[in-house]
Amino acid sequence: VFSNGKSAPVSASISGDWESISITELEGSKEMEVDAKIAVHFYELSMDGTPVILVDSENMICTIGGQDFFADLRKNLEGAI
């Protein structure tokens, strides 16, 4: 991936629960196809070591480009408990 005209490393972390998975039959010298469906609870995308997207549904965090879109929601829920 390129950032400001220079190449930069990209990494992604995903965790969740398997919803379904299907695998085609294994045949010699052929590619195997896997279809998977995951209920994602945590997703983080980083570029050049800097988090760009962070979604953590269990902790109600949604940060994109440094802006936490759920900060007010968490604050309001803390006051309600």
Protein backbone atom coordinates (compact mmCIF):
# COMPACT_ATOMS: atom_id res chain seq x y z
CA VAL A 1 0.00 0.00 0.00
CA PHE A 2 1.22 3.47 -0.75
CA SER A 3 1.05 6.39 1.66
CA ASN A 4 2.24 9.80 0.48
CA GLY A 5 3.89 8.17 -2.53
CA LYS A 6 5.88 5.70 -0.40
CA SER A 7 5.15 2.06 0.33
CA ALA A 8 3.88 1.38 3.85
CA PRO A 9 3.06 -1.85 5.72
CA VAL A 10 -0.59 -2.71 6.33
CA SER A 11 -1.93 -5.12 8.95
CA ALA A 12 -5.40 -6.24 9.98
CA SER A 13 -6.60 -8.06 13.10
CA ILE A 14 -9.99 -9.75 13.19
CA SER A 15 -11.64 -11.81 15.91
CA GLY A 16 -15.11 -13.22 16.23
CA ASP A 17 -17.22 -16.37 16.13
CA TRP A 18 -17.56 -18.76 13.23
CA GLU A 19 -21.07 -18.67 11.78
CA SER A 20 -20.47 -21.22 9.03
CA ILE A 21 -17.69 -22.73 6.96
CA SER A 22 -17.78 -24.88 3.86
CA ILE A 23 -14.84 -26.51 2.12
CA THR A 24 -14.80 -28.05 -1.34
CA GLU A 25 -13.53 -31.59 -1.76
CA LEU A 26 -9.79 -31.90 -1.83
CA GLU A 27 -8.53 -32.97 -5.24
CA GLY A 28 -4.89 -33.45 -6.13
CA SER A 29 -3.22 -30.57 -8.00
CA LYS A 30 -6.32 -28.34 -7.73
CA GLU A 31 -7.10 -25.29 -5.65
CA MET A 32 -9.36 -25.76 -2.65
CA GLU A 33 -12.16 -23.28 -2.07
CA VAL A 34 -13.24 -22.25 1.42
CA ASP A 35 -16.30 -20.12 2.18
CA ALA A 36 -16.45 -18.76 5.71
CA LYS A 37 -18.88 -16.50 7.52
CA ILE A 38 -17.71 -14.88 10.76
CA ALA A 39 -19.61 -12.72 13.27
CA VAL A 40 -16.84 -10.15 13.85
CA HIS A 41 -16.47 -8.68 17.34
CA PHE A 42 -13.13 -6.91 16.83
CA TYR A 43 -11.52 -5.41 13.73
CA GLU A 44 -8.40 -3.27 13.50
CA LEU A 45 -6.72 -1.97 10.35
CA SER A 46 -3.33 -0.31 10.71
CA MET A 47 -1.22 1.43 8.09
CA ASP A 48 2.44 2.11 8.75
CA GLY A 49 1.91 1.22 12.43
CA THR A 50 -0.93 3.71 12.90
CA PRO A 51 -4.46 2.43 13.60
CA VAL A 52 -6.80 3.66 10.85
CA ILE A 53 -9.94 1.71 11.81
CA LEU A 54 -10.78 0.11 15.14
CA VAL A 55 -14.17 -1.49 15.76
CA ASP A 56 -14.68 -3.33 19.05
CA SER A 57 -18.35 -4.20 19.49
CA GLU A 58 -17.93 -5.73 22.95
CA ASN A 59 -16.40 -2.53 24.36
CA MET A 60 -18.50 -0.23 22.11
CA ILE A 61 -15.54 1.41 20.37
CA CYS A 62 -15.63 2.63 16.78
CA THR A 63 -12.61 4.74 15.89
CA ILE A 64 -12.01 5.74 12.27
CA GLY A 65 -9.22 8.11 11.33
CA GLY A 66 -8.65 8.99 14.99
CA GLN A 67 -12.29 9.97 15.68
CA ASP A 68 -14.19 7.83 18.21
CA PHE A 69 -17.76 7.77 16.94
CA PHE A 70 -19.11 5.89 20.00
CA ALA A 71 -17.54 8.09 22.72
CA ASP A 72 -20.79 9.97 23.44
CA LEU A 73 -22.77 6.73 23.41
CA ARG A 74 -20.44 5.12 25.99
CA LYS A 75 -20.59 8.28 28.12
CA ASN A 76 -24.41 8.29 28.07
CA LEU A 77 -24.62 4.58 28.91
CA GLU A 78 -22.19 4.96 31.83
CA GLY A 79 -24.47 7.58 33.35
CA ALA A 80 -27.51 5.31 32.94
CA ILE A 81 -26.01 2.38 34.85
